Every structure is written in structure tokens, then in C-alpha cells.
PDB file of N, CA and C in Angstrom:
ATOM      1  N   MET A   1    -216.888-124.532   7.019  1.00  0.00           N
ATOM      2  CA  MET A   1    -216.825-124.129   5.639  1.00  0.00           C
ATOM      3  C   MET A   1    -218.152-124.451   4.963  1.00  0.00           C
ATOM      4  N   VAL A   2    -218.649-123.523   4.151  1.00  0.00           N
ATOM      5  CA  VAL A   2    -219.889-123.696   3.414  1.00  0.00           C
ATOM      6  C   VAL A   2    -219.549-123.956   1.960  1.00  0.00           C
ATOM      7  N   ARG A   3    -220.031-125.048   1.405  1.00  0.00           N
ATOM      8  CA  ARG A   3    -219.752-125.372   0.007  1.00  0.00           C
ATOM      9  C   ARG A   3    -220.505-124.433  -0.921  1.00  0.00           C
ATOM     10  N   GLY A   4    -219.906-124.160  -2.089  1.00  0.00           N
ATOM     11  CA  GLY A   4    -220.552-123.328  -3.079  1.00  0.00           C
ATOM     12  C   GLY A   4    -220.325-121.843  -2.904  1.00  0.00           C
ATOM     13  N   ARG A   5    -219.562-121.468  -1.924  1.00  0.00           N
ATOM     14  CA  ARG A   5    -219.251-120.055  -1.716  1.00  0.00           C
ATOM     15  C   ARG A   5    -217.751-119.855  -1.843  1.00  0.00           C
ATOM     16  N   SER A   6    -217.367-118.662  -2.232  1.00  0.00           N
ATOM     17  CA  SER A   6    -215.944-118.375  -2.367  1.00  0.00           C
ATOM     18  C   SER A   6    -215.663-116.951  -1.933  1.00  0.00           C
ATOM     19  N   ILE A   7    -214.418-116.682  -1.653  1.00  0.00           N
ATOM     20  CA  ILE A   7    -213.949-115.332  -1.358  1.00  0.00           C
ATOM     21  C   ILE A   7    -212.992-114.965  -2.478  1.00  0.00           C
ATOM     22  N   ASN A   8    -213.284-113.902  -3.190  1.00  0.00           N
ATOM     23  CA  ASN A   8    -212.449-113.481  -4.306  1.00  0.00           C
ATOM     24  C   ASN A   8    -211.558-112.325  -3.865  1.00  0.00           C
ATOM     25  N   LEU A   9    -210.280-112.476  -4.020  1.00  0.00           N
ATOM     26  CA  LEU A   9    -209.309-111.464  -3.614  1.00  0.00           C
ATOM     27  C   LEU A   9    -208.502-111.007  -4.814  1.00  0.00           C
ATOM     28  N   ALA A  10    -208.349-109.708  -4.972  1.00  0.00           N
ATOM     29  CA  ALA A  10    -207.509-109.167  -6.039  1.00  0.00           C
ATOM     30  C   ALA A  10    -206.094-109.016  -5.504  1.00  0.00           C
ATOM     31  N   LEU A  11    -205.140-109.547  -6.209  1.00  0.00           N
ATOM     32  CA  LEU A  11    -203.739-109.487  -5.800  1.00  0.00           C
ATOM     33  C   LEU A  11    -203.029-108.435  -6.641  1.00  0.00           C
ATOM     34  N   SER A  12    -202.511-107.410  -5.992  1.00  0.00           N
ATOM     35  CA  SER A  12    -201.855-106.300  -6.696  1.00  0.00           C
ATOM     36  C   SER A  12    -200.404-106.633  -7.031  1.00  0.00           C
ATOM     37  N   VAL A  13    -199.805-105.775  -7.828  1.00  0.00           N
ATOM     38  CA  VAL A  13    -198.388-105.918  -8.159  1.00  0.00           C
ATOM     39  C   VAL A  13    -197.563-105.861  -6.878  1.00  0.00           C
ATOM     40  N   ARG A  14    -197.905-104.970  -5.981  1.00  0.00           N
ATOM     41  CA  ARG A  14    -197.182-104.845  -4.711  1.00  0.00           C
ATOM     42  C   ARG A  14    -197.332-106.105  -3.865  1.00  0.00           C
ATOM     43  N   GLY A  15    -198.536-106.681  -3.873  1.00  0.00           N
ATOM     44  CA  GLY A  15    -198.752-107.928  -3.145  1.00  0.00           C
ATOM     45  C   GLY A  15    -197.960-109.078  -3.726  1.00  0.00           C
ATOM     46  N   ARG A  16    -197.894-109.126  -5.069  1.00  0.00           N
ATOM     47  CA  ARG A  16    -197.091-110.174  -5.715  1.00  0.00           C
ATOM     48  C   ARG A  16    -195.622-110.032  -5.377  1.00  0.00           C
ATOM     49  N   GLU A  17    -195.135-108.807  -5.291  1.00  0.00           N
ATOM     50  CA  GLU A  17    -193.730-108.583  -4.930  1.00  0.00           C
ATOM     51  C   GLU A  17    -193.457-109.094  -3.516  1.00  0.00           C
ATOM     52  N   ALA A  18    -194.366-108.832  -2.609  1.00  0.00           N
ATOM     53  CA  ALA A  18    -194.198-109.324  -1.234  1.00  0.00           C
ATOM     54  C   ALA A  18    -194.186-110.851  -1.201  1.00  0.00           C
ATOM     55  N   LEU A  19    -195.088-111.480  -1.945  1.00  0.00           N
ATOM     56  CA  LEU A  19    -195.102-112.941  -2.006  1.00  0.00           C
ATOM     57  C   LEU A  19    -193.837-113.487  -2.647  1.00  0.00           C
ATOM     58  N   ARG A  20    -193.333-112.802  -3.687  1.00  0.00           N
ATOM     59  CA  ARG A  20    -192.101-113.236  -4.345  1.00  0.00           C
ATOM     60  C   ARG A  20    -190.940-113.231  -3.368  1.00  0.00           C
ATOM     61  N   ARG A  21    -190.886-112.199  -2.536  1.00  0.00           N
ATOM     62  CA  ARG A  21    -189.772-112.081  -1.580  1.00  0.00           C
ATOM     63  C   ARG A  21    -189.742-113.195  -0.546  1.00  0.00           C
ATOM     64  N   VAL A  22    -190.898-113.776  -0.258  1.00  0.00           N
ATOM     65  CA  VAL A  22    -190.929-114.884   0.709  1.00  0.00           C
ATOM     66  C   VAL A  22    -191.086-116.239   0.020  1.00  0.00           C
ATOM     67  N   GLY A  23    -190.969-116.238  -1.318  1.00  0.00           N
ATOM     68  CA  GLY A  23    -190.982-117.491  -2.064  1.00  0.00           C
ATOM     69  C   GLY A  23    -192.354-118.104  -2.302  1.00  0.00           C
ATOM     70  N   LEU A  24    -193.422-117.313  -2.217  1.00  0.00           N
ATOM     71  CA  LEU A  24    -194.765-117.860  -2.380  1.00  0.00           C
ATOM     72  C   LEU A  24    -195.521-117.369  -3.610  1.00  0.00           C
ATOM     73  N   GLU A  25    -194.931-116.475  -4.390  1.00  0.00           N
ATOM     74  CA  GLU A  25    -195.660-115.910  -5.527  1.00  0.00           C
ATOM     75  C   GLU A  25    -196.138-116.996  -6.490  1.00  0.00           C
ATOM     76  N   ASP A  26    -195.270-117.897  -6.894  1.00  0.00           N
ATOM     77  CA  ASP A  26    -195.638-118.923  -7.868  1.00  0.00           C
ATOM     78  C   ASP A  26    -196.761-119.814  -7.354  1.00  0.00           C
ATOM     79  N   VAL A  27    -196.732-120.137  -6.076  1.00  0.00           N
ATOM     80  CA  VAL A  27    -197.755-121.000  -5.484  1.00  0.00           C
ATOM     81  C   VAL A  27    -199.117-120.313  -5.516  1.00  0.00           C
ATOM     82  N   VAL A  28    -199.170-119.055  -5.108  1.00  0.00           N
ATOM     83  CA  VAL A  28    -200.434-118.325  -5.053  1.00  0.00           C
ATOM     84  C   VAL A  28    -200.950-118.012  -6.454  1.00  0.00           C
ATOM     85  N   VAL A  29    -200.082-117.538  -7.333  1.00  0.00           N
ATOM     86  CA  VAL A  29    -200.503-117.151  -8.682  1.00  0.00           C
ATOM     87  C   VAL A  29    -200.975-118.376  -9.478  1.00  0.00           C
ATOM     88  N   ALA A  30    -200.415-119.542  -9.212  1.00  0.00           N
ATOM     89  CA  ALA A  30    -200.824-120.760  -9.915  1.00  0.00           C
ATOM     90  C   ALA A  30    -202.279-121.112  -9.637  1.00  0.00           C
ATOM     91  N   THR A  31    -202.831-120.668  -8.510  1.00  0.00           N
ATOM     92  CA  THR A  31    -204.226-120.970  -8.181  1.00  0.00           C
ATOM     93  C   THR A  31    -205.162-119.828  -8.564  1.00  0.00           C
ATOM     94  N   GLY A  32    -204.624-118.788  -9.189  1.00  0.00           N
ATOM     95  CA  GLY A  32    -205.423-117.614  -9.515  1.00  0.00           C
ATOM     96  C   GLY A  32    -205.885-117.578 -10.957  1.00  0.00           C
ATOM     97  N   ILE A  33    -206.738-116.613 -11.228  1.00  0.00           N
ATOM     98  CA  ILE A  33    -207.275-116.376 -12.566  1.00  0.00           C
ATOM     99  C   ILE A  33    -206.850-114.970 -12.973  1.00  0.00           C
ATOM    100  N   PRO A  34    -206.283-114.774 -14.176  1.00  0.00           N
ATOM    101  CA  PRO A  34    -205.860-113.431 -14.592  1.00  0.00           C
ATOM    102  C   PRO A  34    -207.027-112.437 -14.582  1.00  0.00           C
ATOM    103  N   MET A  35    -206.729-111.226 -14.194  1.00  0.00           N
ATOM    104  CA  MET A  35    -207.742-110.182 -14.122  1.00  0.00           C
ATOM    105  C   MET A  35    -207.359-109.077 -15.095  1.00  0.00           C
ATOM    106  N   TYR A  36    -208.152-108.910 -16.138  1.00  0.00           N
ATOM    107  CA  TYR A  36    -207.843-107.938 -17.176  1.00  0.00           C
ATOM    108  C   TYR A  36    -208.703-106.689 -17.096  1.00  0.00           C
ATOM    109  N   ALA A  37    -209.847-106.765 -16.405  1.00  0.00           N
ATOM    110  CA  ALA A  37    -210.763-105.617 -16.333  1.00  0.00           C
ATOM    111  C   ALA A  37    -211.650-105.760 -15.097  1.00  0.00           C
ATOM    112  N   ARG A  38    -212.247-104.653 -14.689  1.00  0.00           N
ATOM    113  CA  ARG A  38    -213.267-104.716 -13.638  1.00  0.00           C
ATOM    114  C   ARG A  38    -214.620-104.593 -14.313  1.00  0.00           C
ATOM    115  N   MET A  39    -215.628-105.231 -13.737  1.00  0.00           N
ATOM    116  CA  MET A  39    -216.972-105.204 -14.314  1.00  0.00           C
ATOM    117  C   MET A  39    -217.798-104.158 -13.581  1.00  0.00           C
ATOM    118  N   ILE A  40    -218.395-103.260 -14.347  1.00  0.00           N
ATOM    119  CA  ILE A  40    -219.270-102.234 -13.807  1.00  0.00           C
ATOM    120  C   ILE A  40    -220.711-102.673 -14.035  1.00  0.00           C
ATOM    121  N   HIS A  41    -221.512-102.642 -12.983  1.00  0.00           N
ATOM    122  CA  HIS A  41    -222.928-103.012 -13.050  1.00  0.00           C
ATOM    123  C   HIS A  41    -223.743-101.727 -12.955  1.00  0.00           C
ATOM    124  N   ASP A  42    -224.394-101.359 -14.049  1.00  0.00           N
ATOM    125  CA  ASP A  42    -225.198-100.142 -14.081  1.00  0.00           C
ATOM    126  C   ASP A  42    -226.548-100.360 -13.393  1.00  0.00           C
ATOM    127  N   LEU A  43    -227.193 -99.267 -12.996  1.00  0.00           N
ATOM    128  CA  LEU A  43    -228.478 -99.349 -12.314  1.00  0.00           C
ATOM    129  C   LEU A  43    -229.553-100.027 -13.164  1.00  0.00           C
ATOM    130  N   ASP A  44    -229.448 -99.921 -14.484  1.00  0.00           N
ATOM    131  CA  ASP A  44    -230.448-100.546 -15.358  1.00  0.00           C
ATOM    132  C   ASP A  44    -230.167-102.026 -15.619  1.00  0.00           C
ATOM    133  N   GLY A  45    -229.136-102.574 -14.980  1.00  0.00           N
ATOM    134  CA  GLY A  45    -228.830-103.998 -15.106  1.00  0.00           C
ATOM    135  C   GLY A  45    -227.782-104.343 -16.145  1.00  0.00           C
ATOM    136  N   THR A  46    -227.388-103.374 -16.963  1.00  0.00           N
ATOM    137  CA  THR A  46    -226.350-103.674 -17.947  1.00  0.00           C
ATOM    138  C   THR A  46    -224.991-103.750 -17.268  1.00  0.00           C
ATOM    139  N   ARG A  47    -224.105-104.490 -17.891  1.00  0.00           N
ATOM    140  CA  ARG A  47    -222.746-104.642 -17.371  1.00  0.00           C
ATOM    141  C   ARG A  47    -221.765-104.222 -18.451  1.00  0.00           C
ATOM    142  N   ARG A  48    -220.650-103.632 -18.012  1.00  0.00           N
ATOM    143  CA  ARG A  48    -219.613-103.242 -18.971  1.00  0.00           C
ATOM    144  C   ARG A  48    -218.251-103.334 -18.293  1.00  0.00           C
ATOM    145  N   PRO A  49    -217.281-103.920 -19.009  1.00  0.00           N
ATOM    146  CA  PRO A  49    -215.942-104.030 -18.431  1.00  0.00           C
ATOM    147  C   PRO A  49    -215.153-102.732 -18.609  1.00  0.00           C
ATOM    148  N   ILE A  50    -214.328-102.429 -17.638  1.00  0.00           N
ATOM    149  CA  ILE A  50    -213.370-101.328 -17.742  1.00  0.00           C
ATOM    150  C   ILE A  50    -211.987-101.960 -17.594  1.00  0.00           C
ATOM    151  N   PRO A  51    -211.212-102.004 -18.694  1.00  0.00           N
ATOM    152  CA  PRO A  51    -209.915-102.686 -18.682  1.00  0.00           C
ATOM    153  C   PRO A  51    -208.897-102.010 -17.755  1.00  0.00           C
ATOM    154  N   TYR A  52    -208.024-102.834 -17.204  1.00  0.00           N
ATOM    155  CA  TYR A  52    -206.859-102.333 -16.481  1.00  0.00           C
ATOM    156  C   TYR A  52    -205.766-102.122 -17.513  1.00  0.00           C
ATOM    157  N   GLY A  53    -205.263-100.918 -17.673  1.00  0.00           N
ATOM    158  CA  GLY A  53    -204.192-100.652 -18.620  1.00  0.00           C
ATOM    159  C   GLY A  53    -204.678-100.632 -20.056  1.00  0.00           C
ATOM    160  N   LYS A  54    -203.743-100.688 -20.971  1.00  0.00           N
ATOM    161  CA  LYS A  54    -204.014-100.653 -22.404  1.00  0.00           C
ATOM    162  C   LYS A  54    -204.134-102.079 -22.938  1.00  0.00           C
ATOM    163  N   PRO A  55    -204.795-102.259 -24.099  1.00  0.00           N
ATOM    164  CA  PRO A  55    -205.003-103.610 -24.625  1.00  0.00           C
ATOM    165  C   PRO A  55    -203.719-104.425 -24.809  1.00  0.00           C
ATOM    166  N   ASP A  56    -202.600-103.770 -25.108  1.00  0.00           N
ATOM    167  CA  ASP A  56    -201.361-104.518 -25.336  1.00  0.00           C
ATOM    168  C   ASP A  56    -200.564-104.775 -24.056  1.00  0.00           C
ATOM    169  N   GLN A  57    -201.066-104.325 -22.914  1.00  0.00           N
ATOM    170  CA  GLN A  57    -200.366-104.535 -21.650  1.00  0.00           C
ATOM    171  C   GLN A  57    -200.871-105.800 -20.973  1.00  0.00           C
ATOM    172  N   VAL A  58    -199.980-106.450 -20.268  1.00  0.00           N
ATOM    173  CA  VAL A  58    -200.350-107.623 -19.490  1.00  0.00           C
ATOM    174  C   VAL A  58    -200.506-107.194 -18.048  1.00  0.00           C
ATOM    175  N   ARG A  59    -201.621-107.500 -17.448  1.00  0.00           N
ATOM    176  CA  ARG A  59    -201.885-107.151 -16.048  1.00  0.00           C
ATOM    177  C   ARG A  59    -201.170-108.155 -15.156  1.00  0.00           C
ATOM    178  N   ASN A  60    -200.439-107.657 -14.189  1.00  0.00           N
ATOM    179  CA  ASN A  60    -199.701-108.533 -13.280  1.00  0.00           C
ATOM    180  C   ASN A  60    -200.500-108.934 -12.057  1.00  0.00           C
ATOM    181  N   GLY A  61    -201.765-108.584 -12.011  1.00  0.00           N
ATOM    182  CA  GLY A  61    -202.601-108.992 -10.890  1.00  0.00           C
ATOM    183  C   GLY A  61    -203.338-110.267 -11.224  1.00  0.00           C
ATOM    184  N   CYS A  62    -204.028-110.804 -10.266  1.00  0.00           N
ATOM    185  CA  CYS A  62    -204.869-111.980 -10.512  1.00  0.00           C
ATOM    186  C   CYS A  62    -205.945-112.023  -9.461  1.00  0.00           C
ATOM    187  N   ILE A  63    -206.966-112.792  -9.703  1.00  0.00           N
ATOM    188  CA  ILE A  63    -207.976-113.033  -8.699  1.00  0.00           C
ATOM    189  C   ILE A  63    -207.686-114.398  -8.111  1.00  0.00           C
ATOM    190  N   VAL A  64    -207.574-114.466  -6.823  1.00  0.00           N
ATOM    191  CA  VAL A  64    -207.325-115.723  -6.159  1.00  0.00           C
ATOM    192  C   VAL A  64    -208.644-116.180  -5.566  1.00  0.00           C
ATOM    193  N   ILE A  65    -209.066-117.384  -5.887  1.00  0.00           N
ATOM    194  CA  ILE A  65    -210.357-117.883  -5.412  1.00  0.00           C
ATOM    195  C   ILE A  65    -210.129-119.009  -4.412  1.00  0.00           C
ATOM    196  N   PHE A  66    -210.632-118.815  -3.203  1.00  0.00           N
ATOM    197  CA  PHE A  66    -210.588-119.855  -2.174  1.00  0.00           C
ATOM    198  C   PHE A  66    -211.980-120.454  -2.051  1.00  0.00           C
ATOM    199  N   ILE A  67    -212.101-121.754  -2.219  1.00  0.00           N
ATOM    200  CA  ILE A  67    -213.411-122.415  -2.134  1.00  0.00           C
ATOM    201  C   ILE A  67    -213.466-123.267  -0.882  1.00  0.00           C
TER     202      ILE A  67
END
């Protein structure tokens, strides 16, 4: 293992359902960070978020970070 590096995984609604069925959803989601948008990196260096869903919706996915 190399310190200071991580693997970021996006967990979908379908993935959460599979984890729920085997009793692991709460364990995995507790270590994750909510994901509300994806970040687009333009060629000129600017960044802009593109939200998942509408502003009043709650995204059921998360980013799970393993260090």
C-alpha cells in the first residue's frame, strides 16, 4: 500500500440496493462522501460542476474512498 493515494469509486443506486440485500449498505455508505455533481475540466483549465438530478433531489450515490 502506498500512503497518500486513494481509489475513488462511485456507488450507484443499483449498487446500494445490492449492498442492502446482503446487509452491507450502511457500513459502506458510512465511509463515503455524498456525490451531488460531476466536475467537468475544460481544456482551458476551468472547472464546472454538472449536478446529478434537480437541486431539490437527494442523490442516493456516494463516493467511497479507500486510503
